[in-house]
Amino acid sequence: MKKFTYLMIVMVCLVFVSCDKSDEVPPRSEGITSTFELPRATPLTSTEREIIKAKRAEYNDSVL
């Protein structure tokens, strides 16, 4: 019975200690924006264009 009494006293103390004005959400920052910029695309070289054309032609030939 003593153990149960001590356990109950400890539990009650923990409840009162843990319920101290806790902030669940941090304060909101005003300086943060949510706009994103995409990186600029670089133009393809002629060899890269030829590789893409070849792959596209291979795909179209296999699908049809």
N, C-alpha and C. Protein backbone atom coordinates (compact mmCIF):
# COMPACT_ATOMS: atom_id res chain seq x y z
N MET A 1 0.82 -1.19 0.00
CA MET A 1 0.00 0.00 0.00
C MET A 1 0.87 1.26 0.00
N LYS A 2 2.02 1.18 0.67
CA LYS A 2 2.91 2.33 0.72
C LYS A 2 3.42 2.67 -0.69
N LYS A 3 3.75 1.63 -1.46
CA LYS A 3 4.27 1.85 -2.81
C LYS A 3 3.22 2.55 -3.67
N PHE A 4 1.99 2.11 -3.53
CA PHE A 4 0.90 2.71 -4.30
C PHE A 4 0.71 4.17 -3.92
N THR A 5 0.79 4.49 -2.65
CA THR A 5 0.63 5.87 -2.18
C THR A 5 1.76 6.74 -2.72
N TYR A 6 2.99 6.24 -2.64
CA TYR A 6 4.13 7.00 -3.15
C TYR A 6 4.02 7.19 -4.67
N LEU A 7 3.57 6.15 -5.34
CA LEU A 7 3.40 6.24 -6.79
C LEU A 7 2.35 7.28 -7.15
N MET A 8 1.26 7.31 -6.44
CA MET A 8 0.20 8.29 -6.70
C MET A 8 0.69 9.71 -6.42
N ILE A 9 1.45 9.90 -5.36
CA ILE A 9 2.00 11.23 -5.05
C ILE A 9 2.94 11.68 -6.15
N VAL A 10 3.79 10.78 -6.63
CA VAL A 10 4.72 11.11 -7.70
C VAL A 10 3.95 11.44 -8.98
N MET A 11 2.92 10.67 -9.29
CA MET A 11 2.13 10.93 -10.50
C MET A 11 1.43 12.28 -10.43
N VAL A 12 0.88 12.63 -9.28
CA VAL A 12 0.21 13.93 -9.13
C VAL A 12 1.23 15.06 -9.27
N CYS A 13 2.39 14.90 -8.69
CA CYS A 13 3.43 15.93 -8.82
C CYS A 13 3.87 16.09 -10.27
N LEU A 14 4.00 14.97 -10.97
CA LEU A 14 4.40 15.05 -12.38
C LEU A 14 3.34 15.73 -13.23
N VAL A 15 2.09 15.50 -12.94
CA VAL A 15 1.02 16.14 -13.69
C VAL A 15 1.07 17.65 -13.50
N PHE A 16 1.28 18.10 -12.28
CA PHE A 16 1.33 19.54 -12.03
C PHE A 16 2.58 20.18 -12.61
N VAL A 17 3.67 19.46 -12.62
CA VAL A 17 4.91 20.01 -13.16
C VAL A 17 4.86 20.06 -14.69
N SER A 18 4.28 19.05 -15.31
CA SER A 18 4.29 18.98 -16.77
C SER A 18 3.27 19.90 -17.42
N CYS A 19 2.30 20.39 -16.71
CA CYS A 19 1.28 21.26 -17.29
C CYS A 19 1.64 22.74 -17.16
N ASP A 20 2.89 23.05 -17.31
CA ASP A 20 3.34 24.43 -17.22
C ASP A 20 3.28 25.06 -18.60
N LYS A 21 2.60 26.14 -18.80
CA LYS A 21 2.42 26.89 -20.04
C LYS A 21 3.38 26.47 -21.16
N SER A 22 3.06 25.43 -21.85
CA SER A 22 3.92 24.96 -22.94
C SER A 22 3.43 25.54 -24.26
N ASP A 23 4.37 25.96 -25.10
CA ASP A 23 4.04 26.45 -26.44
C ASP A 23 4.16 25.27 -27.40
N GLU A 24 3.04 24.85 -27.96
CA GLU A 24 3.08 23.74 -28.89
C GLU A 24 3.57 24.19 -30.27
N VAL A 25 3.37 25.44 -30.59
CA VAL A 25 3.75 25.97 -31.89
C VAL A 25 4.76 27.10 -31.66
N PRO A 26 5.89 27.08 -32.36
CA PRO A 26 6.85 28.17 -32.20
C PRO A 26 6.28 29.48 -32.75
N PRO A 27 6.80 30.61 -32.31
CA PRO A 27 6.30 31.89 -32.82
C PRO A 27 6.56 32.04 -34.32
N ARG A 28 5.65 32.69 -34.99
CA ARG A 28 5.74 32.85 -36.44
C ARG A 28 6.77 33.92 -36.80
N SER A 29 7.60 33.62 -37.77
CA SER A 29 8.61 34.57 -38.23
C SER A 29 8.02 35.40 -39.36
N GLU A 30 8.25 36.69 -39.34
CA GLU A 30 7.69 37.59 -40.35
C GLU A 30 8.59 37.71 -41.58
N GLY A 31 9.86 37.43 -41.46
CA GLY A 31 10.79 37.66 -42.57
C GLY A 31 10.89 36.52 -43.56
N ILE A 32 10.17 35.44 -43.37
CA ILE A 32 10.29 34.28 -44.25
C ILE A 32 9.23 34.36 -45.34
N THR A 33 9.65 34.16 -46.58
CA THR A 33 8.70 34.15 -47.70
C THR A 33 8.62 32.74 -48.26
N SER A 34 7.57 32.46 -48.97
CA SER A 34 7.40 31.12 -49.52
C SER A 34 7.42 31.13 -51.05
N THR A 35 8.10 32.07 -51.65
CA THR A 35 8.23 32.08 -53.10
C THR A 35 9.54 31.39 -53.48
N PHE A 36 9.47 30.60 -54.51
CA PHE A 36 10.64 29.86 -54.96
C PHE A 36 10.93 30.21 -56.41
N GLU A 37 12.20 30.29 -56.73
CA GLU A 37 12.61 30.57 -58.11
C GLU A 37 13.26 29.31 -58.69
N LEU A 38 12.82 28.94 -59.88
CA LEU A 38 13.43 27.81 -60.56
C LEU A 38 14.73 28.25 -61.21
N PRO A 39 15.71 27.38 -61.25
CA PRO A 39 16.95 27.75 -61.91
C PRO A 39 16.73 27.92 -63.41
N ARG A 40 17.49 28.79 -64.01
CA ARG A 40 17.36 29.04 -65.44
C ARG A 40 17.90 27.86 -66.23
N ALA A 41 17.17 27.50 -67.26
CA ALA A 41 17.59 26.38 -68.10
C ALA A 41 18.73 26.82 -69.03
N THR A 42 19.68 25.94 -69.21
CA THR A 42 20.78 26.24 -70.12
C THR A 42 20.41 25.71 -71.50
N PRO A 43 20.77 26.41 -72.55
CA PRO A 43 20.44 25.93 -73.91
C PRO A 43 21.22 24.65 -74.23
N LEU A 44 20.58 23.77 -74.99
CA LEU A 44 21.22 22.51 -75.36
C LEU A 44 22.22 22.73 -76.48
N THR A 45 23.26 21.93 -76.44
CA THR A 45 24.23 21.97 -77.53
C THR A 45 23.70 21.11 -78.68
N SER A 46 24.33 21.21 -79.80
CA SER A 46 23.87 20.45 -80.98
C SER A 46 24.02 18.95 -80.74
N THR A 47 25.07 18.52 -80.06
CA THR A 47 25.24 17.09 -79.79
C THR A 47 24.15 16.59 -78.83
N GLU A 48 23.79 17.39 -77.85
CA GLU A 48 22.72 16.99 -76.93
C GLU A 48 21.38 16.91 -77.67
N ARG A 49 21.15 17.84 -78.60
CA ARG A 49 19.92 17.79 -79.39
C ARG A 49 19.85 16.52 -80.24
N GLU A 50 20.98 16.14 -80.82
CA GLU A 50 21.02 14.93 -81.64
C GLU A 50 20.75 13.69 -80.79
N ILE A 51 21.30 13.65 -79.59
CA ILE A 51 21.07 12.52 -78.69
C ILE A 51 19.59 12.42 -78.33
N ILE A 52 18.96 13.56 -78.04
CA ILE A 52 17.54 13.57 -77.69
C ILE A 52 16.69 13.15 -78.89
N LYS A 53 17.03 13.64 -80.07
CA LYS A 53 16.29 13.25 -81.28
C LYS A 53 16.40 11.75 -81.51
N ALA A 54 17.59 11.18 -81.31
CA ALA A 54 17.79 9.75 -81.52
C ALA A 54 16.97 8.94 -80.51
N LYS A 55 16.98 9.35 -79.27
CA LYS A 55 16.20 8.64 -78.25
C LYS A 55 14.70 8.77 -78.51
N ARG A 56 14.27 9.93 -78.93
CA ARG A 56 12.85 10.13 -79.24
C ARG A 56 12.42 9.28 -80.43
N ALA A 57 13.28 9.22 -81.44
CA ALA A 57 12.96 8.39 -82.62
C ALA A 57 12.93 6.91 -82.23
N GLU A 58 13.86 6.46 -81.39
CA GLU A 58 13.88 5.08 -80.94
C GLU A 58 12.61 4.75 -80.15
N TYR A 59 12.18 5.66 -79.30
CA TYR A 59 10.96 5.47 -78.53
C TYR A 59 9.73 5.39 -79.45
N ASN A 60 9.63 6.34 -80.39
CA ASN A 60 8.49 6.37 -81.30
C ASN A 60 8.44 5.12 -82.17
N ASP A 61 9.60 4.62 -82.59
CA ASP A 61 9.65 3.40 -83.39
C ASP A 61 9.20 2.18 -82.59
N SER A 62 9.57 2.13 -81.31
CA SER A 62 9.22 0.96 -80.50
C SER A 62 7.75 0.99 -80.08
N VAL A 63 7.16 2.17 -79.96
CA VAL A 63 5.77 2.29 -79.54
C VAL A 63 4.84 1.98 -80.71
N LEU A 64 5.17 2.48 -81.86
CA LEU A 64 4.29 2.29 -83.03
C LEU A 64 4.52 1.00 -83.66
